[in-house]
Amino acid sequence: MIPLMVDFTGKKVIIFGGVVVGARKARYFANEAEVVVYSRSFHPEFREIPVRMETCNLTGDEDILRTMVSDASLAIAATSDPRLNEQIKSACTLEHVWCNVAAGKKGDVVLPAKISGTRYVIAVSTTGSVPAVSRLIREELEDSFPDLDDLVLLGEWIRDTYRGERTGPDSYEKVLYTALRDPDMRKALASGMKDAREYIQRKFAI
């Protein structure tokens, strides 16, 4: 498995299955991609997710499945029937469409647990074997770095302020490395970006 960050803006994601697993997968993509969900019925969670729901009886007919996935960038087999999921995956392979399989043999794509903010995305995966471990790591990261957006913003300010011809202890790389690991700086940042910048300017005199 090779981890990638993929921009799904303007791309279509098709989900087969309207149970709670399908809802979770739909929520994963709903704010970026065009998401279409095919199912005989839909879990109540779908009412809160901005996706297109198409009511139909899902079939294992290869030609029908190939037509359904042909214009998708990603298909997700999230039905409760592992055999049908495998048939969906097979249709995706024939159409050269990436496929994630919720129940059954793994597809081409594994969806990691992720946390994201305005300036960052962090993804963690056990390649689908124990998602609970990925979730645990995600929760630990959220607890350890509640200020991560501000840390990235502060790092951008350090870059713009200190990058240049400086070398030695006040070079951009040195200031950035030291400041981000400084517990006193993190305390200052908790009081606001202004306090954090002033702390860094005092410690690394410009």
N, C-alpha and C. Protein backbone atom coordinates (compact mmCIF):
# COMPACT_ATOMS: atom_id res chain seq x y z
N MET A 1 0.84 -1.19 0.00
CA MET A 1 0.00 0.00 0.00
C MET A 1 0.88 1.25 0.00
N ILE A 2 0.52 2.22 -0.82
CA ILE A 2 1.23 3.50 -0.88
C ILE A 2 0.24 4.60 -0.49
N PRO A 3 0.50 5.35 0.58
CA PRO A 3 -0.44 6.42 0.97
C PRO A 3 -0.36 7.59 0.01
N LEU A 4 -1.53 8.13 -0.35
CA LEU A 4 -1.63 9.28 -1.25
C LEU A 4 -2.67 10.25 -0.69
N MET A 5 -2.47 11.54 -0.99
CA MET A 5 -3.51 12.53 -0.74
C MET A 5 -4.12 12.86 -2.09
N VAL A 6 -5.42 12.61 -2.26
CA VAL A 6 -6.08 12.79 -3.54
C VAL A 6 -7.15 13.87 -3.42
N ASP A 7 -7.14 14.82 -4.34
CA ASP A 7 -8.16 15.86 -4.39
C ASP A 7 -9.37 15.31 -5.16
N PHE A 8 -10.50 15.15 -4.46
CA PHE A 8 -11.70 14.60 -5.09
C PHE A 8 -12.68 15.68 -5.55
N THR A 9 -12.25 16.91 -5.53
CA THR A 9 -13.14 17.98 -5.99
C THR A 9 -13.56 17.74 -7.43
N GLY A 10 -14.86 17.73 -7.67
CA GLY A 10 -15.37 17.53 -9.02
C GLY A 10 -15.37 16.08 -9.48
N LYS A 11 -14.93 15.17 -8.64
CA LYS A 11 -14.90 13.75 -9.02
C LYS A 11 -16.12 13.03 -8.43
N LYS A 12 -16.50 11.93 -9.06
CA LYS A 12 -17.66 11.17 -8.61
C LYS A 12 -17.23 9.95 -7.79
N VAL A 13 -17.89 9.78 -6.65
CA VAL A 13 -17.71 8.60 -5.81
C VAL A 13 -19.05 7.89 -5.74
N ILE A 14 -19.06 6.61 -6.09
CA ILE A 14 -20.28 5.81 -6.05
C ILE A 14 -20.20 4.84 -4.88
N ILE A 15 -21.25 4.79 -4.09
CA ILE A 15 -21.31 3.90 -2.94
C ILE A 15 -22.48 2.94 -3.14
N PHE A 16 -22.20 1.66 -3.00
CA PHE A 16 -23.23 0.62 -3.05
C PHE A 16 -23.55 0.20 -1.63
N GLY A 17 -24.77 0.44 -1.19
CA GLY A 17 -25.16 0.03 0.16
C GLY A 17 -25.58 1.23 0.99
N GLY A 18 -26.80 1.15 1.54
CA GLY A 18 -27.33 2.26 2.31
C GLY A 18 -27.39 2.01 3.80
N VAL A 19 -26.62 1.04 4.29
CA VAL A 19 -26.59 0.76 5.73
C VAL A 19 -25.65 1.76 6.41
N VAL A 20 -25.43 1.57 7.71
CA VAL A 20 -24.65 2.54 8.48
C VAL A 20 -23.21 2.63 7.96
N VAL A 21 -22.65 1.52 7.47
CA VAL A 21 -21.30 1.56 6.91
C VAL A 21 -21.27 2.45 5.68
N GLY A 22 -22.29 2.32 4.82
CA GLY A 22 -22.37 3.18 3.66
C GLY A 22 -22.50 4.64 4.04
N ALA A 23 -23.24 4.92 5.10
CA ALA A 23 -23.38 6.30 5.57
C ALA A 23 -22.03 6.86 6.03
N ARG A 24 -21.28 6.03 6.74
CA ARG A 24 -19.96 6.48 7.20
C ARG A 24 -19.05 6.78 6.02
N LYS A 25 -19.08 5.93 5.00
CA LYS A 25 -18.26 6.16 3.82
C LYS A 25 -18.73 7.41 3.07
N ALA A 26 -20.05 7.61 3.00
CA ALA A 26 -20.58 8.78 2.32
C ALA A 26 -20.15 10.07 3.01
N ARG A 27 -20.19 10.05 4.34
CA ARG A 27 -19.78 11.24 5.10
C ARG A 27 -18.30 11.56 4.85
N TYR A 28 -17.51 10.54 4.62
CA TYR A 28 -16.07 10.69 4.39
C TYR A 28 -15.80 11.57 3.16
N PHE A 29 -16.65 11.42 2.13
CA PHE A 29 -16.40 12.12 0.86
C PHE A 29 -17.36 13.27 0.57
N ALA A 30 -18.44 13.38 1.34
CA ALA A 30 -19.55 14.26 0.96
C ALA A 30 -19.17 15.72 0.78
N ASN A 31 -18.22 16.21 1.54
CA ASN A 31 -17.88 17.64 1.47
C ASN A 31 -16.91 17.98 0.36
N GLU A 32 -16.48 16.99 -0.40
CA GLU A 32 -15.53 17.27 -1.47
C GLU A 32 -15.97 16.71 -2.81
N ALA A 33 -16.43 15.48 -2.84
CA ALA A 33 -16.76 14.82 -4.10
C ALA A 33 -18.26 14.87 -4.38
N GLU A 34 -18.62 14.52 -5.61
CA GLU A 34 -20.01 14.24 -5.94
C GLU A 34 -20.26 12.78 -5.54
N VAL A 35 -21.14 12.56 -4.59
CA VAL A 35 -21.36 11.22 -4.05
C VAL A 35 -22.76 10.72 -4.43
N VAL A 36 -22.80 9.54 -5.02
CA VAL A 36 -24.07 8.90 -5.37
C VAL A 36 -24.13 7.56 -4.64
N VAL A 37 -25.24 7.31 -3.96
CA VAL A 37 -25.40 6.08 -3.18
C VAL A 37 -26.56 5.27 -3.76
N TYR A 38 -26.28 3.99 -4.05
CA TYR A 38 -27.30 3.09 -4.57
C TYR A 38 -27.66 2.07 -3.50
N SER A 39 -28.96 1.93 -3.24
CA SER A 39 -29.40 0.96 -2.24
C SER A 39 -30.92 0.79 -2.33
N ARG A 40 -31.42 -0.33 -1.78
CA ARG A 40 -32.86 -0.54 -1.71
C ARG A 40 -33.48 0.34 -0.63
N SER A 41 -32.72 0.61 0.43
CA SER A 41 -33.20 1.46 1.52
C SER A 41 -31.99 2.18 2.11
N PHE A 42 -32.26 3.20 2.93
CA PHE A 42 -31.18 4.04 3.44
C PHE A 42 -31.30 4.25 4.94
N HIS A 43 -30.18 4.12 5.61
CA HIS A 43 -30.12 4.35 7.05
C HIS A 43 -30.49 5.81 7.33
N PRO A 44 -31.15 6.09 8.47
CA PRO A 44 -31.55 7.46 8.79
C PRO A 44 -30.40 8.48 8.77
N GLU A 45 -29.16 8.03 9.00
CA GLU A 45 -28.02 8.95 8.98
C GLU A 45 -27.89 9.67 7.64
N PHE A 46 -28.36 9.04 6.58
CA PHE A 46 -28.23 9.65 5.26
C PHE A 46 -28.99 10.96 5.14
N ARG A 47 -29.98 11.18 5.99
CA ARG A 47 -30.75 12.42 5.94
C ARG A 47 -29.86 13.64 6.22
N GLU A 48 -28.77 13.40 6.93
CA GLU A 48 -27.89 14.51 7.32
C GLU A 48 -26.68 14.66 6.40
N ILE A 49 -26.58 13.83 5.38
CA ILE A 49 -25.39 13.82 4.52
C ILE A 49 -25.76 14.33 3.13
N PRO A 50 -25.05 15.33 2.62
CA PRO A 50 -25.39 15.90 1.30
C PRO A 50 -24.92 15.03 0.14
N VAL A 51 -25.64 13.94 -0.10
CA VAL A 51 -25.31 13.03 -1.20
C VAL A 51 -26.59 12.74 -1.99
N ARG A 52 -26.42 12.20 -3.19
CA ARG A 52 -27.57 11.81 -4.00
C ARG A 52 -27.88 10.34 -3.72
N MET A 53 -29.11 10.05 -3.36
CA MET A 53 -29.51 8.69 -3.05
C MET A 53 -30.39 8.15 -4.17
N GLU A 54 -30.00 7.01 -4.69
CA GLU A 54 -30.75 6.37 -5.77
C GLU A 54 -31.27 5.03 -5.26
N THR A 55 -32.60 4.89 -5.19
CA THR A 55 -33.21 3.66 -4.71
C THR A 55 -33.27 2.63 -5.84
N CYS A 56 -32.69 1.47 -5.61
CA CYS A 56 -32.70 0.42 -6.63
C CYS A 56 -32.40 -0.92 -5.97
N ASN A 57 -32.75 -1.98 -6.65
CA ASN A 57 -32.38 -3.33 -6.21
C ASN A 57 -31.01 -3.65 -6.80
N LEU A 58 -30.02 -3.73 -5.95
CA LEU A 58 -28.67 -3.99 -6.43
C LEU A 58 -28.57 -5.41 -6.99
N THR A 59 -27.88 -5.53 -8.08
CA THR A 59 -27.75 -6.81 -8.76
C THR A 59 -26.29 -7.13 -8.99
N GLY A 60 -26.00 -8.41 -9.09
CA GLY A 60 -24.63 -8.83 -9.39
C GLY A 60 -24.36 -8.93 -10.88
N ASP A 61 -25.28 -8.46 -11.70
CA ASP A 61 -25.10 -8.52 -13.15
C ASP A 61 -23.89 -7.66 -13.55
N GLU A 62 -22.92 -8.29 -14.18
CA GLU A 62 -21.66 -7.61 -14.49
C GLU A 62 -21.85 -6.40 -15.40
N ASP A 63 -22.68 -6.54 -16.42
CA ASP A 63 -22.87 -5.43 -17.36
C ASP A 63 -23.51 -4.23 -16.68
N ILE A 64 -24.49 -4.49 -15.84
CA ILE A 64 -25.15 -3.39 -15.13
C ILE A 64 -24.17 -2.70 -14.18
N LEU A 65 -23.40 -3.49 -13.43
CA LEU A 65 -22.43 -2.91 -12.49
C LEU A 65 -21.37 -2.10 -13.24
N ARG A 66 -20.92 -2.61 -14.36
CA ARG A 66 -19.90 -1.89 -15.13
C ARG A 66 -20.43 -0.54 -15.62
N THR A 67 -21.69 -0.53 -16.03
CA THR A 67 -22.29 0.73 -16.46
C THR A 67 -22.42 1.71 -15.30
N MET A 68 -22.76 1.20 -14.13
CA MET A 68 -22.95 2.06 -12.96
C MET A 68 -21.66 2.71 -12.50
N VAL A 69 -20.53 2.00 -12.62
CA VAL A 69 -19.26 2.53 -12.11
C VAL A 69 -18.41 3.21 -13.18
N SER A 70 -18.84 3.14 -14.42
CA SER A 70 -17.95 3.52 -15.53
C SER A 70 -17.45 4.96 -15.46
N ASP A 71 -18.26 5.89 -14.92
CA ASP A 71 -17.83 7.29 -14.89
C ASP A 71 -17.39 7.74 -13.51
N ALA A 72 -17.14 6.79 -12.62
CA ALA A 72 -16.72 7.12 -11.25
C ALA A 72 -15.20 7.15 -11.13
N SER A 73 -14.71 7.97 -10.22
CA SER A 73 -13.29 7.95 -9.88
C SER A 73 -13.01 6.90 -8.81
N LEU A 74 -14.02 6.62 -7.99
CA LEU A 74 -13.89 5.62 -6.93
C LEU A 74 -15.26 5.01 -6.68
N ALA A 75 -15.30 3.70 -6.50
CA ALA A 75 -16.53 3.01 -6.10
C ALA A 75 -16.28 2.34 -4.76
N ILE A 76 -17.31 2.32 -3.94
CA ILE A 76 -17.21 1.71 -2.62
C ILE A 76 -18.27 0.64 -2.49
N ALA A 77 -17.84 -0.60 -2.28
CA ALA A 77 -18.75 -1.73 -2.11
C ALA A 77 -19.03 -1.89 -0.62
N ALA A 78 -20.16 -1.34 -0.18
CA ALA A 78 -20.48 -1.33 1.25
C ALA A 78 -21.80 -2.03 1.53
N THR A 79 -22.14 -3.02 0.72
CA THR A 79 -23.35 -3.78 0.98
C THR A 79 -23.08 -4.81 2.09
N SER A 80 -24.13 -5.42 2.57
CA SER A 80 -23.97 -6.45 3.62
C SER A 80 -23.71 -7.82 3.02
N ASP A 81 -23.59 -7.89 1.69
CA ASP A 81 -23.38 -9.16 0.99
C ASP A 81 -21.95 -9.22 0.44
N PRO A 82 -21.04 -9.98 1.08
CA PRO A 82 -19.66 -10.04 0.61
C PRO A 82 -19.53 -10.49 -0.84
N ARG A 83 -20.42 -11.39 -1.28
CA ARG A 83 -20.36 -11.86 -2.67
C ARG A 83 -20.68 -10.73 -3.64
N LEU A 84 -21.70 -9.94 -3.33
CA LEU A 84 -22.03 -8.80 -4.18
C LEU A 84 -20.91 -7.77 -4.17
N ASN A 85 -20.31 -7.57 -3.01
CA ASN A 85 -19.17 -6.64 -2.93
C ASN A 85 -18.03 -7.09 -3.85
N GLU A 86 -17.80 -8.39 -3.89
CA GLU A 86 -16.76 -8.93 -4.76
C GLU A 86 -17.12 -8.73 -6.23
N GLN A 87 -18.39 -8.85 -6.57
CA GLN A 87 -18.82 -8.62 -7.95
C GLN A 87 -18.67 -7.15 -8.33
N ILE A 88 -18.94 -6.27 -7.39
CA ILE A 88 -18.74 -4.83 -7.63
C ILE A 88 -17.26 -4.55 -7.86
N LYS A 89 -16.42 -5.15 -7.03
CA LYS A 89 -14.97 -4.97 -7.18
C LYS A 89 -14.51 -5.48 -8.56
N SER A 90 -15.04 -6.62 -8.99
CA SER A 90 -14.67 -7.17 -10.29
C SER A 90 -15.08 -6.23 -11.42
N ALA A 91 -16.27 -5.64 -11.32
CA ALA A 91 -16.73 -4.70 -12.34
C ALA A 91 -15.83 -3.46 -12.38
N CYS A 92 -15.40 -3.02 -11.20
CA CYS A 92 -14.49 -1.86 -11.13
C CYS A 92 -13.15 -2.18 -11.80
N THR A 93 -12.65 -3.38 -11.57
CA THR A 93 -11.38 -3.78 -12.18
C THR A 93 -11.49 -3.74 -13.70
N LEU A 94 -12.61 -4.23 -14.23
CA LEU A 94 -12.81 -4.23 -15.68
C LEU A 94 -12.92 -2.81 -16.24
N GLU A 95 -13.45 -1.90 -15.44
CA GLU A 95 -13.63 -0.52 -15.90
C GLU A 95 -12.46 0.39 -15.48
N HIS A 96 -11.45 -0.20 -14.84
CA HIS A 96 -10.28 0.56 -14.38
C HIS A 96 -10.68 1.69 -13.41
N VAL A 97 -11.56 1.32 -12.49
CA VAL A 97 -12.03 2.26 -11.46
C VAL A 97 -11.54 1.75 -10.11
N TRP A 98 -10.95 2.62 -9.31
CA TRP A 98 -10.52 2.22 -7.97
C TRP A 98 -11.73 1.80 -7.14
N CYS A 99 -11.49 0.82 -6.26
CA CYS A 99 -12.60 0.30 -5.46
C CYS A 99 -12.17 0.08 -4.01
N ASN A 100 -13.02 0.50 -3.11
CA ASN A 100 -12.86 0.20 -1.69
C ASN A 100 -13.94 -0.79 -1.30
N VAL A 101 -13.55 -1.86 -0.60
CA VAL A 101 -14.50 -2.91 -0.21
C VAL A 101 -14.65 -2.90 1.31
N ALA A 102 -15.88 -2.70 1.77
CA ALA A 102 -16.12 -2.62 3.22
C ALA A 102 -16.18 -3.99 3.86
N ALA A 103 -16.74 -4.99 3.16
CA ALA A 103 -16.85 -6.34 3.71
C ALA A 103 -16.52 -7.34 2.62
N GLY A 104 -15.46 -8.09 2.83
CA GLY A 104 -14.98 -9.03 1.83
C GLY A 104 -13.50 -8.83 1.56
N LYS A 105 -13.01 -9.34 0.43
CA LYS A 105 -11.61 -9.16 0.09
C LYS A 105 -11.30 -7.69 -0.15
N LYS A 106 -10.12 -7.26 0.23
CA LYS A 106 -9.74 -5.86 0.08
C LYS A 106 -9.79 -5.42 -1.37
N GLY A 107 -10.15 -4.18 -1.56
CA GLY A 107 -10.10 -3.59 -2.88
C GLY A 107 -8.77 -2.89 -3.11
N ASP A 108 -8.75 -1.98 -4.08
CA ASP A 108 -7.53 -1.24 -4.40
C ASP A 108 -7.22 -0.16 -3.38
N VAL A 109 -8.27 0.32 -2.70
CA VAL A 109 -8.15 1.49 -1.84
C VAL A 109 -8.62 1.16 -0.43
N VAL A 110 -7.84 1.58 0.55
CA VAL A 110 -8.23 1.49 1.96
C VAL A 110 -8.42 2.92 2.46
N LEU A 111 -9.53 3.19 3.11
CA LEU A 111 -9.79 4.53 3.63
C LEU A 111 -9.24 4.65 5.04
N PRO A 112 -8.28 5.53 5.26
CA PRO A 112 -7.68 5.65 6.58
C PRO A 112 -8.55 6.46 7.53
N ALA A 113 -8.30 6.30 8.82
CA ALA A 113 -8.85 7.24 9.79
C ALA A 113 -8.11 8.56 9.57
N LYS A 114 -8.83 9.68 9.64
CA LYS A 114 -8.15 10.94 9.37
C LYS A 114 -8.65 12.05 10.28
N ILE A 115 -7.77 12.98 10.53
CA ILE A 115 -8.14 14.23 11.18
C ILE A 115 -7.66 15.34 10.25
N SER A 116 -8.42 16.41 10.20
CA SER A 116 -8.04 17.49 9.30
C SER A 116 -8.48 18.82 9.87
N GLY A 117 -7.78 19.85 9.45
CA GLY A 117 -8.13 21.21 9.83
C GLY A 117 -8.02 22.09 8.60
N THR A 118 -7.90 23.37 8.82
CA THR A 118 -7.78 24.30 7.71
C THR A 118 -6.46 24.12 6.98
N ARG A 119 -5.40 23.75 7.72
CA ARG A 119 -4.06 23.74 7.15
C ARG A 119 -3.39 22.36 7.19
N TYR A 120 -4.10 21.32 7.54
CA TYR A 120 -3.43 20.02 7.64
C TYR A 120 -4.42 18.88 7.42
N VAL A 121 -3.87 17.73 7.04
CA VAL A 121 -4.59 16.46 6.99
C VAL A 121 -3.63 15.40 7.49
N ILE A 122 -4.08 14.58 8.43
CA ILE A 122 -3.28 13.46 8.93
C ILE A 122 -4.11 12.19 8.78
N ALA A 123 -3.54 11.18 8.17
CA ALA A 123 -4.24 9.92 7.95
C ALA A 123 -3.48 8.78 8.60
N VAL A 124 -4.22 7.84 9.19
CA VAL A 124 -3.62 6.68 9.86
C VAL A 124 -4.36 5.43 9.41
N SER A 125 -3.62 4.38 9.07
CA SER A 125 -4.27 3.16 8.60
C SER A 125 -3.53 1.92 9.08
N THR A 126 -4.29 0.88 9.36
CA THR A 126 -3.73 -0.45 9.58
C THR A 126 -4.02 -1.32 8.35
N THR A 127 -4.16 -0.65 7.20
CA THR A 127 -4.52 -1.27 5.91
C THR A 127 -5.79 -2.10 6.02
N GLY A 128 -6.69 -1.65 6.87
CA GLY A 128 -8.00 -2.28 6.97
C GLY A 128 -8.10 -3.43 7.94
N SER A 129 -6.98 -3.85 8.55
CA SER A 129 -7.03 -5.04 9.40
C SER A 129 -7.66 -4.77 10.76
N VAL A 130 -7.29 -3.68 11.41
CA VAL A 130 -7.86 -3.34 12.73
C VAL A 130 -8.17 -1.85 12.76
N PRO A 131 -9.28 -1.42 12.20
CA PRO A 131 -9.60 0.01 12.16
C PRO A 131 -9.65 0.66 13.54
N ALA A 132 -9.93 -0.12 14.57
CA ALA A 132 -10.00 0.45 15.92
C ALA A 132 -8.65 1.02 16.36
N VAL A 133 -7.55 0.42 15.90
CA VAL A 133 -6.22 0.94 16.24
C VAL A 133 -6.00 2.28 15.54
N SER A 134 -6.40 2.37 14.28
CA SER A 134 -6.29 3.64 13.56
C SER A 134 -7.10 4.71 14.27
N ARG A 135 -8.29 4.36 14.71
CA ARG A 135 -9.14 5.32 15.42
C ARG A 135 -8.50 5.76 16.72
N LEU A 136 -7.88 4.82 17.44
CA LEU A 136 -7.20 5.15 18.70
C LEU A 136 -6.08 6.16 18.45
N ILE A 137 -5.26 5.92 17.43
CA ILE A 137 -4.15 6.83 17.12
C ILE A 137 -4.69 8.21 16.73
N ARG A 138 -5.76 8.20 15.94
CA ARG A 138 -6.37 9.48 15.56
C ARG A 138 -6.83 10.27 16.79
N GLU A 139 -7.48 9.59 17.73
CA GLU A 139 -7.97 10.26 18.93
C GLU A 139 -6.81 10.77 19.79
N GLU A 140 -5.71 9.99 19.87
CA GLU A 140 -4.55 10.42 20.63
C GLU A 140 -3.94 11.68 20.00
N LEU A 141 -3.87 11.72 18.68
CA LEU A 141 -3.33 12.90 17.99
C LEU A 141 -4.21 14.12 18.23
N GLU A 142 -5.52 13.92 18.19
CA GLU A 142 -6.43 15.04 18.43
C GLU A 142 -6.24 15.60 19.84
N ASP A 143 -6.02 14.70 20.82
CA ASP A 143 -5.82 15.14 22.20
C ASP A 143 -4.47 15.83 22.38
N SER A 144 -3.44 15.32 21.68
CA SER A 144 -2.09 15.85 21.86
C SER A 144 -1.87 17.16 21.12
N PHE A 145 -2.59 17.36 20.01
CA PHE A 145 -2.36 18.55 19.19
C PHE A 145 -3.67 19.29 18.92
N PRO A 146 -4.30 19.81 19.97
CA PRO A 146 -5.54 20.57 19.73
C PRO A 146 -5.27 21.89 19.00
N ASP A 147 -4.00 22.31 19.00
CA ASP A 147 -3.61 23.59 18.41
C ASP A 147 -2.90 23.41 17.06
N LEU A 148 -3.16 22.32 16.38
CA LEU A 148 -2.35 21.99 15.20
C LEU A 148 -2.51 23.01 14.08
N ASP A 149 -3.71 23.51 13.85
CA ASP A 149 -3.88 24.55 12.84
C ASP A 149 -3.03 25.77 13.17
N ASP A 150 -3.03 26.17 14.45
CA ASP A 150 -2.23 27.32 14.86
C ASP A 150 -0.74 27.03 14.75
N LEU A 151 -0.33 25.79 15.03
CA LEU A 151 1.08 25.43 14.88
C LEU A 151 1.54 25.57 13.43
N VAL A 152 0.71 25.14 12.50
CA VAL A 152 1.06 25.27 11.09
C VAL A 152 1.13 26.74 10.70
N LEU A 153 0.15 27.53 11.16
CA LEU A 153 0.15 28.96 10.86
C LEU A 153 1.38 29.64 11.45
N LEU A 154 1.74 29.26 12.67
CA LEU A 154 2.94 29.83 13.29
C LEU A 154 4.19 29.42 12.51
N GLY A 155 4.24 28.16 12.07
CA GLY A 155 5.37 27.71 11.27
C GLY A 155 5.50 28.51 9.98
N GLU A 156 4.38 28.88 9.37
CA GLU A 156 4.43 29.70 8.16
C GLU A 156 5.01 31.08 8.48
N TRP A 157 4.61 31.63 9.65
CA TRP A 157 5.15 32.94 10.05
C TRP A 157 6.65 32.86 10.31
N ILE A 158 7.09 31.79 10.99
CA ILE A 158 8.53 31.61 11.23
C ILE A 158 9.28 31.52 9.91
N ARG A 159 8.72 30.77 8.98
CA ARG A 159 9.35 30.64 7.65
C ARG A 159 9.50 32.01 6.99
N ASP A 160 8.42 32.79 6.98
CA ASP A 160 8.45 34.08 6.29
C ASP A 160 9.34 35.08 7.01
N THR A 161 9.45 34.95 8.34
CA THR A 161 10.22 35.92 9.13
C THR A 161 11.70 35.61 9.15
N TYR A 162 12.04 34.33 9.24
CA TYR A 162 13.43 33.96 9.47
C TYR A 162 14.14 33.39 8.24
N ARG A 163 13.40 33.04 7.23
CA ARG A 163 14.05 32.47 6.06
C ARG A 163 14.82 33.56 5.31
N GLY A 164 15.99 33.22 4.84
CA GLY A 164 16.83 34.18 4.14
C GLY A 164 18.28 33.74 4.20
N GLU A 165 19.15 34.69 4.44
CA GLU A 165 20.58 34.40 4.45
C GLU A 165 21.10 34.00 5.82
N ARG A 166 20.21 33.92 6.82
CA ARG A 166 20.68 33.60 8.16
C ARG A 166 21.23 32.18 8.22
N THR A 167 22.25 32.00 9.04
CA THR A 167 22.80 30.67 9.31
C THR A 167 22.96 30.53 10.81
N GLY A 168 23.24 29.31 11.26
CA GLY A 168 23.49 29.09 12.68
C GLY A 168 22.20 29.04 13.47
N PRO A 169 22.23 29.51 14.74
CA PRO A 169 21.10 29.33 15.65
C PRO A 169 19.86 30.13 15.27
N ASP A 170 19.99 31.15 14.43
CA ASP A 170 18.80 31.91 14.05
C ASP A 170 18.40 31.67 12.60
N SER A 171 18.86 30.56 12.03
CA SER A 171 18.41 30.19 10.69
C SER A 171 16.96 29.71 10.76
N TYR A 172 16.29 29.77 9.64
CA TYR A 172 14.87 29.36 9.58
C TYR A 172 14.69 27.94 10.10
N GLU A 173 15.50 27.01 9.61
CA GLU A 173 15.33 25.61 10.00
C GLU A 173 15.54 25.41 11.50
N LYS A 174 16.55 26.08 12.04
CA LYS A 174 16.86 25.92 13.46
C LYS A 174 15.77 26.53 14.34
N VAL A 175 15.32 27.73 13.98
CA VAL A 175 14.26 28.37 14.75
C VAL A 175 12.98 27.54 14.69
N LEU A 176 12.63 27.06 13.51
CA LEU A 176 11.42 26.28 13.37
C LEU A 176 11.50 24.99 14.19
N TYR A 177 12.61 24.27 14.07
CA TYR A 177 12.79 23.01 14.78
C TYR A 177 12.70 23.23 16.29
N THR A 178 13.40 24.26 16.77
CA THR A 178 13.45 24.51 18.21
C THR A 178 12.12 25.04 18.75
N ALA A 179 11.53 25.99 18.03
CA ALA A 179 10.31 26.63 18.52
C ALA A 179 9.15 25.65 18.62
N LEU A 180 8.98 24.81 17.62
CA LEU A 180 7.83 23.90 17.63
C LEU A 180 7.92 22.86 18.74
N ARG A 181 9.12 22.63 19.26
CA ARG A 181 9.32 21.66 20.33
C ARG A 181 9.46 22.32 21.71
N ASP A 182 9.30 23.61 21.77
CA ASP A 182 9.47 24.37 23.00
C ASP A 182 8.15 24.40 23.78
N PRO A 183 8.09 23.77 24.96
CA PRO A 183 6.84 23.75 25.71
C PRO A 183 6.38 25.15 26.13
N ASP A 184 7.32 26.06 26.37
CA ASP A 184 6.93 27.43 26.72
C ASP A 184 6.28 28.15 25.54
N MET A 185 6.75 27.82 24.34
CA MET A 185 6.12 28.41 23.16
C MET A 185 4.69 27.90 23.04
N ARG A 186 4.47 26.60 23.31
CA ARG A 186 3.12 26.03 23.21
C ARG A 186 2.19 26.70 24.23
N LYS A 187 2.73 27.00 25.41
CA LYS A 187 1.94 27.72 26.41
C LYS A 187 1.58 29.11 25.92
N ALA A 188 2.55 29.77 25.31
CA ALA A 188 2.30 31.11 24.76
C ALA A 188 1.25 31.04 23.65
N LEU A 189 1.34 30.01 22.82
CA LEU A 189 0.40 29.85 21.72
C LEU A 189 -1.02 29.63 22.24
N ALA A 190 -1.14 28.97 23.39
CA ALA A 190 -2.45 28.75 23.98
C ALA A 190 -3.12 30.06 24.36
N SER A 191 -2.30 31.10 24.59
CA SER A 191 -2.83 32.43 24.91
C SER A 191 -3.12 33.26 23.68
N GLY A 192 -2.65 32.78 22.52
CA GLY A 192 -2.92 33.51 21.28
C GLY A 192 -1.70 33.58 20.39
N MET A 193 -1.93 33.78 19.09
CA MET A 193 -0.85 33.84 18.12
C MET A 193 0.10 35.00 18.41
N LYS A 194 -0.44 36.14 18.85
CA LYS A 194 0.39 37.31 19.15
C LYS A 194 1.41 36.98 20.24
N ASP A 195 0.97 36.31 21.31
CA ASP A 195 1.89 35.95 22.40
C ASP A 195 2.96 34.98 21.91
N ALA A 196 2.59 34.03 21.06
CA ALA A 196 3.56 33.06 20.55
C ALA A 196 4.61 33.73 19.69
N ARG A 197 4.20 34.66 18.84
CA ARG A 197 5.17 35.37 17.99
C ARG A 197 6.12 36.22 18.81
N GLU A 198 5.56 36.90 19.82
CA GLU A 198 6.41 37.74 20.67
C GLU A 198 7.41 36.89 21.45
N TYR A 199 6.97 35.71 21.90
CA TYR A 199 7.89 34.80 22.61
C TYR A 199 9.03 34.39 21.69
N ILE A 200 8.72 34.02 20.47
CA ILE A 200 9.76 33.60 19.54
C ILE A 200 10.70 34.75 19.21
N GLN A 201 10.18 35.94 19.05
CA GLN A 201 11.03 37.09 18.75
C GLN A 201 11.97 37.41 19.90
N ARG A 202 11.49 37.21 21.13
CA ARG A 202 12.38 37.43 22.27
C ARG A 202 13.47 36.37 22.34
N LYS A 203 13.09 35.12 22.09
CA LYS A 203 14.06 34.02 22.21
C LYS A 203 15.03 33.99 21.06
N PHE A 204 14.55 34.34 19.87
CA PHE A 204 15.40 34.34 18.67
C PHE A 204 15.41 35.76 18.13
N ALA A 205 16.17 36.59 18.76
CA ALA A 205 16.15 38.03 18.45
C ALA A 205 16.38 38.28 16.96
N ILE A 206 15.52 39.10 16.40
CA ILE A 206 15.65 39.45 14.98
C ILE A 206 16.54 40.69 14.86
